[in-house]
Amino acid sequence: MAAEETPCAEVRLVHQSRDPTETAVIVPIGAAEDVVADHRRALDAAATWGVPAHVTVMYPFVHPTAVDAAVLGRLGAALSSVPAFECSFARCQWFGEAVLWLAPDPEQPFRDLTAAVWQAFPEYAPYGGAFDGVVPHLTVGEVGERRRGSVQQLRTAEAEVSVQLPIRAGVDHALLIAGTHAADSWYTIREFPLRPVVD
């Protein structure tokens, strides 16, 4: 769905009582849901919050109360500077033994999206500047601070997911989402199209 005023207004009204505390910019990967949804619900805290399978573009982002027309306009311009693209997820990878994730190919368009948003909002570094570099990834599950399972459960998920790869996806939009760490609290504020590719 293209970004439109009426659906966005309806979303805000429905979730008004949720009192979101943070936002994120993501690329949803709907094509991955059949493969990873069950594993994410068991092993990824973000899935229980209502966040779909995705590759993160920018998190944390603007506080929900600061999202206004100017922010939406600047974000839309940044995201539309990157052309739509096709990608695939053909292999599982790990961050140590803490996070199981799917690697996108190509990864550069995701890096370009993050760079464009960071340039437009230099006060917001990816992951709050916690890492030297950003690796585009689709999280399947994790253990640690937001522990959802064990390393053995992640290895079982890896085996079950691997046989269903590759996942192929067309990427033509990104989402600005907001929520809390409460169950099913995250929702879409606005959908932003990437730049259409003209043959």
Protein backbone atom coordinates (compact mmCIF):
# COMPACT_ATOMS: atom_id res chain seq x y z
CA MET A 1 0.00 0.00 0.00
CA ALA A 2 1.30 3.46 -0.81
CA ALA A 3 1.57 6.03 1.94
CA GLU A 4 -1.80 7.70 2.35
CA GLU A 5 -3.14 10.03 4.97
CA THR A 6 -6.37 8.21 5.83
CA PRO A 7 -4.97 4.74 6.68
CA CYS A 8 -2.18 6.36 8.73
CA ALA A 9 -4.74 8.38 10.69
CA GLU A 10 -6.75 5.21 11.34
CA VAL A 11 -3.69 3.33 12.57
CA ARG A 12 -2.85 6.14 14.99
CA LEU A 13 -6.40 6.15 16.33
CA VAL A 14 -6.58 2.38 16.85
CA HIS A 15 -3.26 2.29 18.72
CA GLN A 16 -3.62 5.56 20.58
CA SER A 17 -3.75 3.82 23.95
CA ARG A 18 -0.57 1.83 23.32
CA ASP A 19 1.65 4.76 24.34
CA PRO A 20 4.59 3.81 22.12
CA THR A 21 8.03 4.56 23.52
CA GLU A 22 10.23 4.05 20.47
CA THR A 23 10.25 3.83 16.69
CA ALA A 24 12.22 2.00 14.02
CA VAL A 25 12.58 2.08 10.26
CA ILE A 26 12.46 -1.40 8.75
CA VAL A 27 12.13 -3.24 5.48
CA PRO A 28 9.48 -5.94 6.03
CA ILE A 29 10.24 -9.26 4.33
CA GLY A 30 6.82 -10.81 3.94
CA ALA A 31 8.19 -13.63 1.80
CA ALA A 32 10.12 -14.90 4.83
CA GLU A 33 7.15 -15.24 7.16
CA ASP A 34 6.21 -18.79 6.18
CA VAL A 35 9.77 -19.92 6.86
CA VAL A 36 10.69 -18.01 10.02
CA ALA A 37 7.46 -16.92 11.75
CA ASP A 38 7.16 -19.89 14.14
CA HIS A 39 10.84 -19.73 15.04
CA ARG A 40 10.72 -15.98 15.58
CA ARG A 41 7.68 -16.25 17.87
CA ALA A 42 9.62 -18.73 20.01
CA LEU A 43 13.09 -17.19 19.80
CA ASP A 44 12.88 -13.48 18.92
CA ALA A 45 11.41 -11.05 21.44
CA ALA A 46 10.62 -8.53 18.68
CA ALA A 47 8.21 -11.01 17.10
CA THR A 48 6.19 -11.14 20.32
CA TRP A 49 6.00 -7.34 20.26
CA GLY A 50 4.33 -7.53 16.85
CA VAL A 51 7.34 -6.66 14.67
CA PRO A 52 7.23 -8.61 11.36
CA ALA A 53 10.16 -10.43 9.78
CA HIS A 54 12.40 -7.63 8.59
CA VAL A 55 15.78 -6.10 7.93
CA THR A 56 16.39 -3.06 10.15
CA VAL A 57 17.18 0.23 8.42
CA MET A 58 17.40 2.43 11.53
CA TYR A 59 16.84 1.69 15.22
CA PRO A 60 16.40 3.44 17.55
CA PHE A 61 14.82 6.31 15.69
CA VAL A 62 12.81 9.48 16.46
CA HIS A 63 10.73 9.32 19.63
CA PRO A 64 7.07 8.72 18.73
CA THR A 65 5.96 12.07 20.17
CA ALA A 66 8.43 13.86 17.88
CA VAL A 67 7.16 12.26 14.67
CA ASP A 68 5.52 15.07 12.71
CA ALA A 69 4.99 16.07 9.09
CA ALA A 70 8.55 17.39 8.80
CA VAL A 71 10.04 14.13 10.07
CA LEU A 72 7.83 12.08 7.76
CA GLY A 73 8.74 14.25 4.79
CA ARG A 74 12.47 14.05 5.47
CA LEU A 75 12.31 10.29 6.01
CA GLY A 76 10.27 9.76 2.86
CA ALA A 77 12.77 11.74 0.79
CA ALA A 78 15.68 9.73 2.18
CA LEU A 79 14.07 6.37 1.53
CA SER A 80 12.89 7.29 -1.96
CA SER A 81 16.49 8.09 -2.92
CA VAL A 82 17.20 4.35 -3.03
CA PRO A 83 15.79 2.34 -5.93
CA ALA A 84 13.58 -0.69 -5.38
CA PHE A 85 15.44 -3.99 -5.68
CA GLU A 86 15.23 -7.77 -5.58
CA CYS A 87 17.07 -9.81 -2.99
CA SER A 88 17.38 -13.34 -1.67
CA PHE A 89 18.18 -14.96 1.65
CA ALA A 90 20.13 -18.12 0.93
CA ARG A 91 22.06 -18.85 4.11
CA CYS A 92 21.89 -18.71 7.88
CA GLN A 93 24.64 -16.91 9.79
CA TRP A 94 25.45 -16.17 13.42
CA PHE A 95 26.61 -13.31 15.59
CA GLY A 96 28.70 -15.38 17.99
CA GLU A 97 26.36 -17.95 19.52
CA ALA A 98 23.80 -15.31 20.48
CA VAL A 99 21.92 -14.43 17.29
CA LEU A 100 20.82 -16.57 14.34
CA TRP A 101 20.05 -14.58 11.22
CA LEU A 102 19.48 -14.74 7.48
CA ALA A 103 21.91 -12.95 5.19
CA PRO A 104 20.46 -10.86 2.35
CA ASP A 105 22.03 -10.89 -1.09
CA PRO A 106 22.73 -8.26 -2.22
CA GLU A 107 23.23 -6.46 1.08
CA GLN A 108 24.36 -3.13 -0.37
CA PRO A 109 20.84 -1.73 -1.00
CA PHE A 110 20.05 -2.22 2.70
CA ARG A 111 23.27 -0.42 3.58
CA ASP A 112 22.26 2.36 1.18
CA LEU A 113 18.91 2.75 2.95
CA THR A 114 20.60 3.01 6.34
CA ALA A 115 23.14 5.51 4.98
CA ALA A 116 20.39 7.64 3.43
CA VAL A 117 18.36 7.79 6.65
CA TRP A 118 21.47 8.45 8.76
CA GLN A 119 22.48 11.28 6.45
CA ALA A 120 19.00 12.80 6.73
CA PHE A 121 18.95 12.30 10.53
CA PRO A 122 22.60 12.48 11.66
CA GLU A 123 21.55 12.59 15.30
CA TYR A 124 20.37 8.96 15.05
CA ALA A 125 23.15 6.41 14.54
CA PRO A 126 22.30 2.79 13.72
CA TYR A 127 21.78 0.83 16.95
CA GLY A 128 22.67 3.98 18.86
CA GLY A 129 26.27 3.73 17.70
CA ALA A 130 26.81 0.50 19.66
CA PHE A 131 28.62 -1.22 16.76
CA ASP A 132 31.48 -0.17 14.53
CA GLY A 133 29.70 -1.43 11.43
CA VAL A 134 26.16 -2.42 10.52
CA VAL A 135 25.48 -5.84 9.02
CA PRO A 136 22.12 -6.09 7.24
CA HIS A 137 20.32 -9.15 8.58
CA LEU A 138 16.96 -10.77 9.26
CA THR A 139 16.91 -12.08 12.82
CA VAL A 140 15.49 -15.56 13.33
CA GLY A 141 16.22 -15.83 17.04
CA GLU A 142 18.53 -14.78 19.83
CA VAL A 143 19.69 -15.59 23.33
CA GLY A 144 21.10 -13.20 25.87
CA GLU A 145 19.61 -10.07 27.41
CA ARG A 146 16.17 -10.68 25.88
CA ARG A 147 16.54 -14.44 26.19
CA ARG A 148 13.90 -16.36 24.28
CA GLY A 149 15.54 -19.77 24.11
CA SER A 150 18.76 -21.75 24.17
CA VAL A 151 21.65 -22.08 21.72
CA GLN A 152 20.44 -25.60 21.01
CA GLN A 153 17.00 -24.26 20.06
CA LEU A 154 18.68 -21.79 17.71
CA ARG A 155 20.67 -24.63 16.12
CA THR A 156 17.48 -26.62 15.64
CA ALA A 157 15.87 -23.57 14.02
CA GLU A 158 18.92 -23.17 11.78
CA ALA A 159 18.57 -26.74 10.51
CA GLU A 160 14.84 -26.36 9.87
CA VAL A 161 15.15 -22.98 8.18
CA SER A 162 18.17 -23.89 6.03
CA VAL A 163 16.33 -26.57 4.08
CA GLN A 164 13.69 -23.99 3.06
CA LEU A 165 16.15 -21.49 1.63
CA PRO A 166 16.55 -19.51 -0.53
CA ILE A 167 13.83 -16.97 0.13
CA ARG A 168 13.38 -14.45 -2.67
CA ALA A 169 11.83 -11.05 -2.06
CA GLY A 170 11.10 -7.85 -3.90
CA VAL A 171 11.79 -4.74 -1.85
CA ASP A 172 9.84 -1.64 -2.88
CA HIS A 173 8.97 0.01 0.43
CA ALA A 174 10.03 0.57 4.02
CA LEU A 175 8.00 1.12 7.17
CA LEU A 176 8.19 3.53 10.08
CA ILE A 177 6.88 1.54 13.04
CA ALA A 178 6.35 2.33 16.72
CA GLY A 179 5.67 0.42 19.90
CA THR A 180 6.95 -0.82 23.24
CA HIS A 181 8.27 -4.08 24.66
CA ALA A 182 4.68 -5.14 25.39
CA ALA A 183 3.13 -7.97 23.42
CA ASP A 184 1.64 -7.02 20.04
CA SER A 185 2.28 -3.31 20.66
CA TRP A 186 4.13 -2.38 17.46
CA TYR A 187 2.24 -0.85 14.56
CA THR A 188 2.90 0.96 11.30
CA ILE A 189 2.92 4.75 11.32
CA ARG A 190 3.67 5.17 7.64
CA GLU A 191 4.72 3.15 4.59
CA PHE A 192 7.31 4.78 2.33
CA PRO A 193 7.97 3.74 -1.26
CA LEU A 194 11.47 3.31 -2.58
CA ARG A 195 12.31 4.87 -5.92
CA PRO A 196 10.58 2.93 -8.70
CA VAL A 197 12.84 1.22 -11.21
CA VAL A 198 11.96 2.08 -14.79
CA ASP A 199 12.85 -0.56 -17.36
